[in-house]
Amino acid sequence: MNTLYENLGSATGISKMVDDIVEAHLNNPVIRARFLPYLEKPERVAEIKKHTCDFLAAGSGGPETYTGRSMPETHRGMNISEAEYMAVIDDIMGVMEKHGIDESARKDVLAITYALKGEIIHQ
C-alpha cells in the first residue's frame, strides 16, 4: 500500500502540483490580490514554493523536513476569510484532480487542510 506521499507523486509530483497551485491562485479572483505582489519578487515566490513543497512532503509521509514557520505564524496579520480559505482549497483540489491524484488521496489532503483551518483563518 502506497503512502500519501507516494500517491501525490513524491517530491517531483508535489513540486509540479505546487507550481500549478500557485498559478491557480494567481488566476483565482477571490485570492489573486494576495498573490500578485509576489510576482515582483521571484526569490520570495521560490521560497514560498520550497516551504510549501517541504510542508506537503513532510506532512504526507515523505523524507523531507519542513523548516518553515508554523501555520499561525505564517498567516498572522493576514486576516484570511472563510471565502479565501475555501478558494485556496478549491484550487488545491482542482490541481490534484488535474494531476490525476486519486480520490482517496484527495480526500486525505482535504482532511489535512480542514484540520489546519483554525490555524490559518482570521489570524
PDB file of N, CA and C in Angstrom:
ATOM      1  N   MET A   1       0.836  -1.185   0.000  1.00  0.00           N
ATOM      2  CA  MET A   1       0.000   0.000   0.000  1.00  0.00           C
ATOM      3  C   MET A   1       0.879   1.246   0.000  1.00  0.00           C
ATOM      4  N   ASN A   2       0.594   2.157  -0.904  1.00  0.00           N
ATOM      5  CA  ASN A   2       1.375   3.384  -1.016  1.00  0.00           C
ATOM      6  C   ASN A   2       1.043   4.362   0.101  1.00  0.00           C
ATOM      7  N   THR A   3       2.030   5.184   0.450  1.00  0.00           N
ATOM      8  CA  THR A   3       1.797   6.274   1.394  1.00  0.00           C
ATOM      9  C   THR A   3       1.138   7.431   0.643  1.00  0.00           C
ATOM     10  N   LEU A   4       0.602   8.377   1.378  1.00  0.00           N
ATOM     11  CA  LEU A   4       0.033   9.566   0.747  1.00  0.00           C
ATOM     12  C   LEU A   4       1.111  10.278  -0.061  1.00  0.00           C
ATOM     13  N   TYR A   5       2.313  10.343   0.477  1.00  0.00           N
ATOM     14  CA  TYR A   5       3.444  10.966  -0.218  1.00  0.00           C
ATOM     15  C   TYR A   5       3.637  10.335  -1.598  1.00  0.00           C
ATOM     16  N   GLU A   6       3.635   9.020  -1.652  1.00  0.00           N
ATOM     17  CA  GLU A   6       3.799   8.320  -2.933  1.00  0.00           C
ATOM     18  C   GLU A   6       2.611   8.577  -3.855  1.00  0.00           C
ATOM     19  N   ASN A   7       1.398   8.610  -3.274  1.00  0.00           N
ATOM     20  CA  ASN A   7       0.200   8.860  -4.083  1.00  0.00           C
ATOM     21  C   ASN A   7       0.174  10.277  -4.654  1.00  0.00           C
ATOM     22  N   LEU A   8       0.889  11.199  -4.011  1.00  0.00           N
ATOM     23  CA  LEU A   8       0.979  12.568  -4.517  1.00  0.00           C
ATOM     24  C   LEU A   8       2.102  12.724  -5.537  1.00  0.00           C
ATOM     25  N   GLY A   9       2.831  11.655  -5.801  1.00  0.00           N
ATOM     26  CA  GLY A   9       3.893  11.695  -6.799  1.00  0.00           C
ATOM     27  C   GLY A   9       5.262  11.976  -6.217  1.00  0.00           C
ATOM     28  N   SER A  10       5.399  11.791  -4.904  1.00  0.00           N
ATOM     29  CA  SER A  10       6.662  12.042  -4.200  1.00  0.00           C
ATOM     30  C   SER A  10       7.134  13.477  -4.458  1.00  0.00           C
ATOM     31  N   ALA A  11       8.405  13.736  -4.277  1.00  0.00           N
ATOM     32  CA  ALA A  11       8.928  15.109  -4.362  1.00  0.00           C
ATOM     33  C   ALA A  11       8.643  15.756  -5.713  1.00  0.00           C
ATOM     34  N   THR A  12       8.840  15.017  -6.793  1.00  0.00           N
ATOM     35  CA  THR A  12       8.647  15.574  -8.133  1.00  0.00           C
ATOM     36  C   THR A  12       7.186  15.924  -8.381  1.00  0.00           C
ATOM     37  N   GLY A  13       6.292  15.016  -8.041  1.00  0.00           N
ATOM     38  CA  GLY A  13       4.867  15.261  -8.246  1.00  0.00           C
ATOM     39  C   GLY A  13       4.361  16.414  -7.399  1.00  0.00           C
ATOM     40  N   ILE A  14       4.806  16.471  -6.154  1.00  0.00           N
ATOM     41  CA  ILE A  14       4.392  17.550  -5.260  1.00  0.00           C
ATOM     42  C   ILE A  14       4.895  18.885  -5.794  1.00  0.00           C
ATOM     43  N   SER A  15       6.119  18.940  -6.261  1.00  0.00           N
ATOM     44  CA  SER A  15       6.681  20.178  -6.801  1.00  0.00           C
ATOM     45  C   SER A  15       5.877  20.671  -8.003  1.00  0.00           C
ATOM     46  N   LYS A  16       5.520  19.767  -8.899  1.00  0.00           N
ATOM     47  CA  LYS A  16       4.728  20.141 -10.079  1.00  0.00           C
ATOM     48  C   LYS A  16       3.348  20.644  -9.661  1.00  0.00           C
ATOM     49  N   MET A  17       2.757  19.997  -8.664  1.00  0.00           N
ATOM     50  CA  MET A  17       1.446  20.444  -8.182  1.00  0.00           C
ATOM     51  C   MET A  17       1.540  21.822  -7.536  1.00  0.00           C
ATOM     52  N   VAL A  18       2.581  22.060  -6.748  1.00  0.00           N
ATOM     53  CA  VAL A  18       2.736  23.369  -6.097  1.00  0.00           C
ATOM     54  C   VAL A  18       2.867  24.470  -7.149  1.00  0.00           C
ATOM     55  N   ASP A  19       3.631  24.221  -8.211  1.00  0.00           N
ATOM     56  CA  ASP A  19       3.727  25.205  -9.301  1.00  0.00           C
ATOM     57  C   ASP A  19       2.341  25.532  -9.846  1.00  0.00           C
ATOM     58  N   ASP A  20       1.539  24.496 -10.074  1.00  0.00           N
ATOM     59  CA  ASP A  20       0.204  24.693 -10.639  1.00  0.00           C
ATOM     60  C   ASP A  20      -0.760  25.320  -9.626  1.00  0.00           C
ATOM     61  N   ILE A  21      -0.585  25.010  -8.346  1.00  0.00           N
ATOM     62  CA  ILE A  21      -1.431  25.612  -7.310  1.00  0.00           C
ATOM     63  C   ILE A  21      -1.172  27.110  -7.236  1.00  0.00           C
ATOM     64  N   VAL A  22       0.084  27.519  -7.272  1.00  0.00           N
ATOM     65  CA  VAL A  22       0.411  28.946  -7.244  1.00  0.00           C
ATOM     66  C   VAL A  22      -0.183  29.629  -8.466  1.00  0.00           C
ATOM     67  N   GLU A  23      -0.074  28.996  -9.623  1.00  0.00           N
ATOM     68  CA  GLU A  23      -0.662  29.549 -10.851  1.00  0.00           C
ATOM     69  C   GLU A  23      -2.179  29.663 -10.710  1.00  0.00           C
ATOM     70  N   ALA A  24      -2.806  28.652 -10.133  1.00  0.00           N
ATOM     71  CA  ALA A  24      -4.260  28.690  -9.930  1.00  0.00           C
ATOM     72  C   ALA A  24      -4.652  29.837  -8.992  1.00  0.00           C
ATOM     73  N   HIS A  25      -3.859  30.046  -7.940  1.00  0.00           N
ATOM     74  CA  HIS A  25      -4.133  31.150  -7.011  1.00  0.00           C
ATOM     75  C   HIS A  25      -4.055  32.497  -7.729  1.00  0.00           C
ATOM     76  N   LEU A  26      -3.085  32.641  -8.623  1.00  0.00           N
ATOM     77  CA  LEU A  26      -2.925  33.889  -9.366  1.00  0.00           C
ATOM     78  C   LEU A  26      -4.092  34.144 -10.325  1.00  0.00           C
ATOM     79  N   ASN A  27      -4.785  33.087 -10.693  1.00  0.00           N
ATOM     80  CA  ASN A  27      -5.917  33.207 -11.607  1.00  0.00           C
ATOM     81  C   ASN A  27      -7.267  33.165 -10.903  1.00  0.00           C
ATOM     82  N   ASN A  28      -7.248  33.031  -9.583  1.00  0.00           N
ATOM     83  CA  ASN A  28      -8.477  32.922  -8.807  1.00  0.00           C
ATOM     84  C   ASN A  28      -8.872  34.317  -8.315  1.00  0.00           C
ATOM     85  N   PRO A  29      -9.993  34.857  -8.793  1.00  0.00           N
ATOM     86  CA  PRO A  29     -10.355  36.236  -8.422  1.00  0.00           C
ATOM     87  C   PRO A  29     -10.568  36.454  -6.927  1.00  0.00           C
ATOM     88  N   VAL A  30     -10.873  35.400  -6.189  1.00  0.00           N
ATOM     89  CA  VAL A  30     -11.107  35.545  -4.748  1.00  0.00           C
ATOM     90  C   VAL A  30      -9.809  35.828  -3.997  1.00  0.00           C
ATOM     91  N   ILE A  31      -8.692  35.263  -4.466  1.00  0.00           N
ATOM     92  CA  ILE A  31      -7.428  35.376  -3.722  1.00  0.00           C
ATOM     93  C   ILE A  31      -6.280  35.976  -4.525  1.00  0.00           C
ATOM     94  N   ARG A  32      -6.511  36.258  -5.790  1.00  0.00           N
ATOM     95  CA  ARG A  32      -5.459  36.773  -6.674  1.00  0.00           C
ATOM     96  C   ARG A  32      -4.703  37.952  -6.057  1.00  0.00           C
ATOM     97  N   ALA A  33      -5.423  38.899  -5.473  1.00  0.00           N
ATOM     98  CA  ALA A  33      -4.796  40.115  -4.943  1.00  0.00           C
ATOM     99  C   ALA A  33      -3.752  39.810  -3.872  1.00  0.00           C
ATOM    100  N   ARG A  34      -3.927  38.734  -3.143  1.00  0.00           N
ATOM    101  CA  ARG A  34      -2.956  38.365  -2.104  1.00  0.00           C
ATOM    102  C   ARG A  34      -1.644  37.868  -2.712  1.00  0.00           C
ATOM    103  N   PHE A  35      -1.713  37.334  -3.918  1.00  0.00           N
ATOM    104  CA  PHE A  35      -0.542  36.718  -4.537  1.00  0.00           C
ATOM    105  C   PHE A  35       0.157  37.606  -5.561  1.00  0.00           C
ATOM    106  N   LEU A  36      -0.554  38.559  -6.140  1.00  0.00           N
ATOM    107  CA  LEU A  36       0.037  39.412  -7.175  1.00  0.00           C
ATOM    108  C   LEU A  36       1.304  40.143  -6.730  1.00  0.00           C
ATOM    109  N   PRO A  37       1.385  40.675  -5.495  1.00  0.00           N
ATOM    110  CA  PRO A  37       2.617  41.372  -5.097  1.00  0.00           C
ATOM    111  C   PRO A  37       3.875  40.490  -5.179  1.00  0.00           C
ATOM    112  N   TYR A  38       3.691  39.191  -5.056  1.00  0.00           N
ATOM    113  CA  TYR A  38       4.846  38.291  -5.100  1.00  0.00           C
ATOM    114  C   TYR A  38       5.441  38.152  -6.497  1.00  0.00           C
ATOM    115  N   LEU A  39       4.681  38.504  -7.523  1.00  0.00           N
ATOM    116  CA  LEU A  39       5.192  38.385  -8.893  1.00  0.00           C
ATOM    117  C   LEU A  39       6.427  39.250  -9.109  1.00  0.00           C
ATOM    118  N   GLU A  40       6.541  40.318  -8.351  1.00  0.00           N
ATOM    119  CA  GLU A  40       7.704  41.199  -8.475  1.00  0.00           C
ATOM    120  C   GLU A  40       8.870  40.729  -7.613  1.00  0.00           C
ATOM    121  N   LYS A  41       8.678  39.628  -6.897  1.00  0.00           N
ATOM    122  CA  LYS A  41       9.706  39.094  -6.003  1.00  0.00           C
ATOM    123  C   LYS A  41       9.893  37.595  -6.276  1.00  0.00           C
ATOM    124  N   PRO A  42      10.503  37.251  -7.406  1.00  0.00           N
ATOM    125  CA  PRO A  42      10.620  35.833  -7.758  1.00  0.00           C
ATOM    126  C   PRO A  42      11.356  35.002  -6.705  1.00  0.00           C
ATOM    127  N   GLU A  43      12.296  35.619  -5.991  1.00  0.00           N
ATOM    128  CA  GLU A  43      13.012  34.867  -4.957  1.00  0.00           C
ATOM    129  C   GLU A  43      12.076  34.518  -3.803  1.00  0.00           C
ATOM    130  N   ARG A  44      11.116  35.386  -3.512  1.00  0.00           N
ATOM    131  CA  ARG A  44      10.129  35.121  -2.453  1.00  0.00           C
ATOM    132  C   ARG A  44       9.169  34.027  -2.901  1.00  0.00           C
ATOM    133  N   VAL A  45       8.772  34.057  -4.173  1.00  0.00           N
ATOM    134  CA  VAL A  45       7.906  33.003  -4.715  1.00  0.00           C
ATOM    135  C   VAL A  45       8.622  31.656  -4.616  1.00  0.00           C
ATOM    136  N   ALA A  46       9.887  31.623  -4.977  1.00  0.00           N
ATOM    137  CA  ALA A  46      10.662  30.375  -4.901  1.00  0.00           C
ATOM    138  C   ALA A  46      10.729  29.866  -3.465  1.00  0.00           C
ATOM    139  N   GLU A  47      10.905  30.780  -2.523  1.00  0.00           N
ATOM    140  CA  GLU A  47      10.971  30.397  -1.106  1.00  0.00           C
ATOM    141  C   GLU A  47       9.625  29.835  -0.636  1.00  0.00           C
ATOM    142  N   ILE A  48       8.536  30.499  -1.009  1.00  0.00           N
ATOM    143  CA  ILE A  48       7.202  30.024  -0.629  1.00  0.00           C
ATOM    144  C   ILE A  48       6.935  28.647  -1.229  1.00  0.00           C
ATOM    145  N   LYS A  49       7.297  28.471  -2.499  1.00  0.00           N
ATOM    146  CA  LYS A  49       7.095  27.168  -3.144  1.00  0.00           C
ATOM    147  C   LYS A  49       7.915  26.083  -2.441  1.00  0.00           C
ATOM    148  N   LYS A  50       9.155  26.396  -2.091  1.00  0.00           N
ATOM    149  CA  LYS A  50      10.004  25.409  -1.406  1.00  0.00           C
ATOM    150  C   LYS A  50       9.383  25.012  -0.076  1.00  0.00           C
ATOM    151  N   HIS A  51       8.963  26.003   0.718  1.00  0.00           N
ATOM    152  CA  HIS A  51       8.337  25.698   2.008  1.00  0.00           C
ATOM    153  C   HIS A  51       7.055  24.885   1.818  1.00  0.00           C
ATOM    154  N   THR A  52       6.271  25.238   0.802  1.00  0.00           N
ATOM    155  CA  THR A  52       5.022  24.518   0.548  1.00  0.00           C
ATOM    156  C   THR A  52       5.308  23.077   0.144  1.00  0.00           C
ATOM    157  N   CYS A  53       6.291  22.877  -0.709  1.00  0.00           N
ATOM    158  CA  CYS A  53       6.678  21.513  -1.107  1.00  0.00           C
ATOM    159  C   CYS A  53       7.130  20.706   0.110  1.00  0.00           C
ATOM    160  N   ASP A  54       8.001  21.295   0.915  1.00  0.00           N
ATOM    161  CA  ASP A  54       8.501  20.601   2.107  1.00  0.00           C
ATOM    162  C   ASP A  54       7.366  20.291   3.084  1.00  0.00           C
ATOM    163  N   PHE A  55       6.454  21.258   3.256  1.00  0.00           N
ATOM    164  CA  PHE A  55       5.322  21.080   4.160  1.00  0.00           C
ATOM    165  C   PHE A  55       4.455  19.915   3.694  1.00  0.00           C
ATOM    166  N   LEU A  56       4.104  19.908   2.389  1.00  0.00           N
ATOM    167  CA  LEU A  56       3.267  18.835   1.850  1.00  0.00           C
ATOM    168  C   LEU A  56       3.989  17.484   1.894  1.00  0.00           C
ATOM    169  N   ALA A  57       5.259  17.487   1.553  1.00  0.00           N
ATOM    170  CA  ALA A  57       6.019  16.237   1.538  1.00  0.00           C
ATOM    171  C   ALA A  57       6.154  15.664   2.943  1.00  0.00           C
ATOM    172  N   ALA A  58       6.579  16.489   3.886  1.00  0.00           N
ATOM    173  CA  ALA A  58       6.759  16.013   5.264  1.00  0.00           C
ATOM    174  C   ALA A  58       5.421  15.585   5.865  1.00  0.00           C
ATOM    175  N   GLY A  59       4.368  16.359   5.585  1.00  0.00           N
ATOM    176  CA  GLY A  59       3.058  16.067   6.145  1.00  0.00           C
ATOM    177  C   GLY A  59       2.374  14.857   5.541  1.00  0.00           C
ATOM    178  N   SER A  60       2.853  14.415   4.385  1.00  0.00           N
ATOM    179  CA  SER A  60       2.245  13.256   3.718  1.00  0.00           C
ATOM    180  C   SER A  60       3.097  11.998   3.872  1.00  0.00           C
ATOM    181  N   GLY A  61       4.128  12.077   4.698  1.00  0.00           N
ATOM    182  CA  GLY A  61       4.926  10.885   4.977  1.00  0.00           C
ATOM    183  C   GLY A  61       6.237  10.803   4.230  1.00  0.00           C
ATOM    184  N   GLY A  62       6.635  11.868   3.563  1.00  0.00           N
ATOM    185  CA  GLY A  62       7.896  11.862   2.829  1.00  0.00           C
ATOM    186  C   GLY A  62       9.089  12.119   3.733  1.00  0.00           C
ATOM    187  N   PRO A  63      10.293  11.961   3.189  1.00  0.00           N
ATOM    188  CA  PRO A  63      11.507  12.134   3.982  1.00  0.00           C
ATOM    189  C   PRO A  63      11.908  13.598   4.197  1.00  0.00           C
ATOM    190  N   GLU A  64      11.268  14.528   3.492  1.00  0.00           N
ATOM    191  CA  GLU A  64      11.616  15.937   3.614  1.00  0.00           C
ATOM    192  C   GLU A  64      11.308  16.451   5.018  1.00  0.00           C
ATOM    193  N   THR A  65      11.985  17.517   5.381  1.00  0.00           N
ATOM    194  CA  THR A  65      11.768  18.170   6.668  1.00  0.00           C
ATOM    195  C   THR A  65      11.255  19.571   6.407  1.00  0.00           C
ATOM    196  N   TYR A  66      10.189  19.943   7.094  1.00  0.00           N
ATOM    197  CA  TYR A  66       9.655  21.293   6.972  1.00  0.00           C
ATOM    198  C   TYR A  66      10.319  22.165   8.018  1.00  0.00           C
ATOM    199  N   THR A  67      10.968  23.235   7.568  1.00  0.00           N
ATOM    200  CA  THR A  67      11.689  24.123   8.488  1.00  0.00           C
ATOM    201  C   THR A  67      11.094  25.529   8.512  1.00  0.00           C
ATOM    202  N   GLY A  68       9.944  25.692   7.870  1.00  0.00           N
ATOM    203  CA  GLY A  68       9.293  26.999   7.836  1.00  0.00           C
ATOM    204  C   GLY A  68       8.579  27.312   9.139  1.00  0.00           C
ATOM    205  N   ARG A  69       7.920  28.444   9.138  1.00  0.00           N
ATOM    206  CA  ARG A  69       7.180  28.881  10.318  1.00  0.00           C
ATOM    207  C   ARG A  69       5.915  28.048  10.499  1.00  0.00           C
ATOM    208  N   SER A  70       5.343  28.106  11.695  1.00  0.00           N
ATOM    209  CA  SER A  70       4.080  27.413  11.965  1.00  0.00           C
ATOM    210  C   SER A  70       2.966  28.065  11.150  1.00  0.00           C
ATOM    211  N   MET A  71       1.851  27.378  11.031  1.00  0.00           N
ATOM    212  CA  MET A  71       0.723  27.937  10.286  1.00  0.00           C
ATOM    213  C   MET A  71       0.240  29.257  10.918  1.00  0.00           C
ATOM    214  N   PRO A  72       0.046  29.333  12.243  1.00  0.00           N
ATOM    215  CA  PRO A  72      -0.382  30.621  12.810  1.00  0.00           C
ATOM    216  C   PRO A  72       0.639  31.739  12.572  1.00  0.00           C
ATOM    217  N   GLU A  73       1.929  31.428  12.703  1.00  0.00           N
ATOM    218  CA  GLU A  73       2.972  32.443  12.454  1.00  0.00           C
ATOM    219  C   GLU A  73       2.931  32.916  10.999  1.00  0.00           C
ATOM    220  N   THR A  74       2.835  31.981  10.092  1.00  0.00           N
ATOM    221  CA  THR A  74       2.855  32.297   8.667  1.00  0.00           C
ATOM    222  C   THR A  74       1.687  33.190   8.274  1.00  0.00           C
ATOM    223  N   HIS A  75       0.535  32.955   8.847  1.00  0.00           N
ATOM    224  CA  HIS A  75      -0.678  33.657   8.430  1.00  0.00           C
ATOM    225  C   HIS A  75      -1.094  34.791   9.376  1.00  0.00           C
ATOM    226  N   ARG A  76      -0.312  35.033  10.415  1.00  0.00           N
ATOM    227  CA  ARG A  76      -0.638  36.093  11.387  1.00  0.00           C
ATOM    228  C   ARG A  76      -0.743  37.446  10.692  1.00  0.00           C
ATOM    229  N   GLY A  77      -1.789  38.169  11.008  1.00  0.00           N
ATOM    230  CA  GLY A  77      -1.982  39.506  10.458  1.00  0.00           C
ATOM    231  C   GLY A  77      -2.608  39.522   9.073  1.00  0.00           C
ATOM    232  N   MET A  78      -2.808  38.370   8.470  1.00  0.00           N
ATOM    233  CA  MET A  78      -3.383  38.323   7.122  1.00  0.00           C
ATOM    234  C   MET A  78      -4.911  38.386   7.152  1.00  0.00           C
ATOM    235  N   ASN A  79      -5.499  38.018   8.275  1.00  0.00           N
ATOM    236  CA  ASN A  79      -6.957  38.026   8.438  1.00  0.00           C
ATOM    237  C   ASN A  79      -7.651  37.332   7.263  1.00  0.00           C
ATOM    238  N   ILE A  80      -7.238  36.125   6.987  1.00  0.00           N
ATOM    239  CA  ILE A  80      -7.783  35.336   5.880  1.00  0.00           C
ATOM    240  C   ILE A  80      -9.234  34.976   6.194  1.00  0.00           C
ATOM    241  N   SER A  81     -10.106  35.239   5.243  1.00  0.00           N
ATOM    242  CA  SER A  81     -11.536  34.958   5.427  1.00  0.00           C
ATOM    243  C   SER A  81     -11.847  33.499   5.097  1.00  0.00           C
ATOM    244  N   GLU A  82     -13.038  33.093   5.506  1.00  0.00           N
ATOM    245  CA  GLU A  82     -13.527  31.751   5.181  1.00  0.00           C
ATOM    246  C   GLU A  82     -13.588  31.569   3.659  1.00  0.00           C
ATOM    247  N   ALA A  83     -14.055  32.587   2.931  1.00  0.00           N
ATOM    248  CA  ALA A  83     -14.164  32.505   1.464  1.00  0.00           C
ATOM    249  C   ALA A  83     -12.788  32.347   0.825  1.00  0.00           C
ATOM    250  N   GLU A  84     -11.795  33.082   1.341  1.00  0.00           N
ATOM    251  CA  GLU A  84     -10.432  32.955   0.807  1.00  0.00           C
ATOM    252  C   GLU A  84      -9.875  31.569   1.096  1.00  0.00           C
ATOM    253  N   TYR A  85     -10.107  31.085   2.294  1.00  0.00           N
ATOM    254  CA  TYR A  85      -9.631  29.755   2.673  1.00  0.00           C
ATOM    255  C   TYR A  85     -10.237  28.691   1.752  1.00  0.00           C
ATOM    256  N   MET A  86     -11.539  28.793   1.497  1.00  0.00           N
ATOM    257  CA  MET A  86     -12.203  27.832   0.624  1.00  0.00           C
ATOM    258  C   MET A  86     -11.696  27.952  -0.817  1.00  0.00           C
ATOM    259  N   ALA A  87     -11.374  29.165  -1.267  1.00  0.00           N
ATOM    260  CA  ALA A  87     -10.834  29.349  -2.619  1.00  0.00           C
ATOM    261  C   ALA A  87      -9.494  28.635  -2.754  1.00  0.00           C
ATOM    262  N   VAL A  88      -8.671  28.713  -1.721  1.00  0.00           N
ATOM    263  CA  VAL A  88      -7.378  28.019  -1.735  1.00  0.00           C
ATOM    264  C   VAL A  88      -7.603  26.510  -1.803  1.00  0.00           C
ATOM    265  N   ILE A  89      -8.509  26.002  -0.993  1.00  0.00           N
ATOM    266  CA  ILE A  89      -8.790  24.563  -1.005  1.00  0.00           C
ATOM    267  C   ILE A  89      -9.325  24.133  -2.372  1.00  0.00           C
ATOM    268  N   ASP A  90     -10.223  24.939  -2.943  1.00  0.00           N
ATOM    269  CA  ASP A  90     -10.748  24.604  -4.273  1.00  0.00           C
ATOM    270  C   ASP A  90      -9.625  24.523  -5.303  1.00  0.00           C
ATOM    271  N   ASP A  91      -8.686  25.466  -5.241  1.00  0.00           N
ATOM    272  CA  ASP A  91      -7.543  25.438  -6.163  1.00  0.00           C
ATOM    273  C   ASP A  91      -6.723  24.166  -5.967  1.00  0.00           C
ATOM    274  N   ILE A  92      -6.445  23.842  -4.722  1.00  0.00           N
ATOM    275  CA  ILE A  92      -5.633  22.646  -4.417  1.00  0.00           C
ATOM    276  C   ILE A  92      -6.331  21.394  -4.942  1.00  0.00           C
ATOM    277  N   MET A  93      -7.614  21.268  -4.668  1.00  0.00           N
ATOM    278  CA  MET A  93      -8.350  20.078  -5.110  1.00  0.00           C
ATOM    279  C   MET A  93      -8.410  20.009  -6.635  1.00  0.00           C
ATOM    280  N   GLY A  94      -8.625  21.139  -7.289  1.00  0.00           N
ATOM    281  CA  GLY A  94      -8.662  21.160  -8.749  1.00  0.00           C
ATOM    282  C   GLY A  94      -7.340  20.753  -9.376  1.00  0.00           C
ATOM    283  N   VAL A  95      -6.249  21.250  -8.801  1.00  0.00           N
ATOM    284  CA  VAL A  95      -4.919  20.896  -9.316  1.00  0.00           C
ATOM    285  C   VAL A  95      -4.647  19.412  -9.091  1.00  0.00           C
ATOM    286  N   MET A  96      -5.015  18.906  -7.935  1.00  0.00           N
ATOM    287  CA  MET A  96      -4.789  17.482  -7.672  1.00  0.00           C
ATOM    288  C   MET A  96      -5.544  16.613  -8.667  1.00  0.00           C
ATOM    289  N   GLU A  97      -6.777  17.000  -8.952  1.00  0.00           N
ATOM    290  CA  GLU A  97      -7.568  16.245  -9.928  1.00  0.00           C
ATOM    291  C   GLU A  97      -6.918  16.323 -11.309  1.00  0.00           C
ATOM    292  N   LYS A  98      -6.477  17.515 -11.687  1.00  0.00           N
ATOM    293  CA  LYS A  98      -5.810  17.716 -12.979  1.00  0.00           C
ATOM    294  C   LYS A  98      -4.558  16.837 -13.102  1.00  0.00           C
ATOM    295  N   HIS A  99      -3.883  16.618 -11.977  1.00  0.00           N
ATOM    296  CA  HIS A  99      -2.667  15.802 -11.964  1.00  0.00           C
ATOM    297  C   HIS A  99      -2.968  14.308 -11.827  1.00  0.00           C
ATOM    298  N   GLY A 100      -4.237  13.948 -11.814  1.00  0.00           N
ATOM    299  CA  GLY A 100      -4.601  12.535 -11.763  1.00  0.00           C
ATOM    300  C   GLY A 100      -4.454  11.904 -10.391  1.00  0.00           C
ATOM    301  N   ILE A 101      -4.474  12.714  -9.347  1.00  0.00           N
ATOM    302  CA  ILE A 101      -4.383  12.181  -7.991  1.00  0.00           C
ATOM    303  C   ILE A 101      -5.717  11.515  -7.661  1.00  0.00           C
ATOM    304  N   ASP A 102      -5.661  10.280  -7.162  1.00  0.00           N
ATOM    305  CA  ASP A 102      -6.907   9.544  -6.940  1.00  0.00           C
ATOM    306  C   ASP A 102      -7.748  10.159  -5.817  1.00  0.00           C
ATOM    307  N   GLU A 103      -9.019   9.793  -5.820  1.00  0.00           N
ATOM    308  CA  GLU A 103      -9.987  10.383  -4.902  1.00  0.00           C
ATOM    309  C   GLU A 103      -9.606  10.166  -3.438  1.00  0.00           C
ATOM    310  N   SER A 104      -9.089   8.996  -3.125  1.00  0.00           N
ATOM    311  CA  SER A 104      -8.704   8.699  -1.745  1.00  0.00           C
ATOM    312  C   SER A 104      -7.614   9.661  -1.259  1.00  0.00           C
ATOM    313  N   ALA A 105      -6.606   9.886  -2.077  1.00  0.00           N
ATOM    314  CA  ALA A 105      -5.531  10.810  -1.712  1.00  0.00           C
ATOM    315  C   ALA A 105      -6.052  12.235  -1.619  1.00  0.00           C
ATOM    316  N   ARG A 106      -6.952  12.623  -2.528  1.00  0.00           N
ATOM    317  CA  ARG A 106      -7.539  13.968  -2.466  1.00  0.00           C
ATOM    318  C   ARG A 106      -8.321  14.155  -1.171  1.00  0.00           C
ATOM    319  N   LYS A 107      -9.057  13.119  -0.765  1.00  0.00           N
ATOM    320  CA  LYS A 107      -9.814  13.197   0.491  1.00  0.00           C
ATOM    321  C   LYS A 107      -8.870  13.321   1.684  1.00  0.00           C
ATOM    322  N   ASP A 108      -7.742  12.615   1.641  1.00  0.00           N
ATOM    323  CA  ASP A 108      -6.757  12.706   2.724  1.00  0.00           C
ATOM    324  C   ASP A 108      -6.209  14.129   2.827  1.00  0.00           C
ATOM    325  N   VAL A 109      -5.875  14.720   1.690  1.00  0.00           N
ATOM    326  CA  VAL A 109      -5.354  16.093   1.685  1.00  0.00           C
ATOM    327  C   VAL A 109      -6.437  17.059   2.151  1.00  0.00           C
ATOM    328  N   LEU A 110      -7.665  16.837   1.731  1.00  0.00           N
ATOM    329  CA  LEU A 110      -8.769  17.686   2.163  1.00  0.00           C
ATOM    330  C   LEU A 110      -8.927  17.630   3.689  1.00  0.00           C
ATOM    331  N   ALA A 111      -8.824  16.451   4.256  1.00  0.00           N
ATOM    332  CA  ALA A 111      -8.929  16.305   5.714  1.00  0.00           C
ATOM    333  C   ALA A 111      -7.803  17.071   6.415  1.00  0.00           C
ATOM    334  N   ILE A 112      -6.606  17.006   5.850  1.00  0.00           N
ATOM    335  CA  ILE A 112      -5.463  17.725   6.433  1.00  0.00           C
ATOM    336  C   ILE A 112      -5.704  19.231   6.354  1.00  0.00           C
ATOM    337  N   THR A 113      -6.178  19.711   5.215  1.00  0.00           N
ATOM    338  CA  THR A 113      -6.404  21.146   5.073  1.00  0.00           C
ATOM    339  C   THR A 113      -7.472  21.625   6.054  1.00  0.00           C
ATOM    340  N   TYR A 114      -8.513  20.839   6.246  1.00  0.00           N
ATOM    341  CA  TYR A 114      -9.546  21.224   7.212  1.00  0.00           C
ATOM    342  C   TYR A 114      -9.015  21.203   8.642  1.00  0.00           C
ATOM    343  N   ALA A 115      -8.102  20.287   8.929  1.00  0.00           N
ATOM    344  CA  ALA A 115      -7.510  20.228  10.269  1.00  0.00           C
ATOM    345  C   ALA A 115      -6.696  21.493  10.563  1.00  0.00           C
ATOM    346  N   LEU A 116      -6.161  22.129   9.526  1.00  0.00           N
ATOM    347  CA  LEU A 116      -5.334  23.331   9.693  1.00  0.00           C
ATOM    348  C   LEU A 116      -6.146  24.624   9.679  1.00  0.00           C
ATOM    349  N   LYS A 117      -7.408  24.537   9.354  1.00  0.00           N
ATOM    350  CA  LYS A 117      -8.244  25.723   9.144  1.00  0.00           C
ATOM    351  C   LYS A 117      -8.165  26.700  10.316  1.00  0.00           C
ATOM    352  N   GLY A 118      -8.307  26.220  11.526  1.00  0.00           N
ATOM    353  CA  GLY A 118      -8.290  27.090  12.695  1.00  0.00           C
ATOM    354  C   GLY A 118      -6.970  27.803  12.917  1.00  0.00           C
ATOM    355  N   GLU A 119      -5.893  27.260  12.340  1.00  0.00           N
ATOM    356  CA  GLU A 119      -4.567  27.865  12.466  1.00  0.00           C
ATOM    357  C   GLU A 119      -4.305  28.901  11.381  1.00  0.00           C
ATOM    358  N   ILE A 120      -5.225  29.001  10.414  1.00  0.00           N
ATOM    359  CA  ILE A 120      -4.974  29.853   9.244  1.00  0.00           C
ATOM    360  C   ILE A 120      -5.961  31.017   9.149  1.00  0.00           C
ATOM    361  N   ILE A 121      -7.260  30.756   9.291  1.00  0.00           N
ATOM    362  CA  ILE A 121      -8.210  31.855   9.065  1.00  0.00           C
ATOM    363  C   ILE A 121      -8.262  32.800  10.252  1.00  0.00           C
ATOM    364  N   HIS A 122      -8.481  34.062   9.950  1.00  0.00           N
ATOM    365  CA  HIS A 122      -8.633  35.146  10.930  1.00  0.00           C
ATOM    366  C   HIS A 122      -7.472  35.244  11.908  1.00  0.00           C
ATOM    367  N   GLN A 123      -6.276  34.985  11.429  1.00  0.00           N
ATOM    368  CA  GLN A 123      -5.079  35.108  12.283  1.00  0.00           C
ATOM    369  C   GLN A 123      -4.597  36.550  12.286  1.00  0.00           C
TER     370      GLN A 123
END
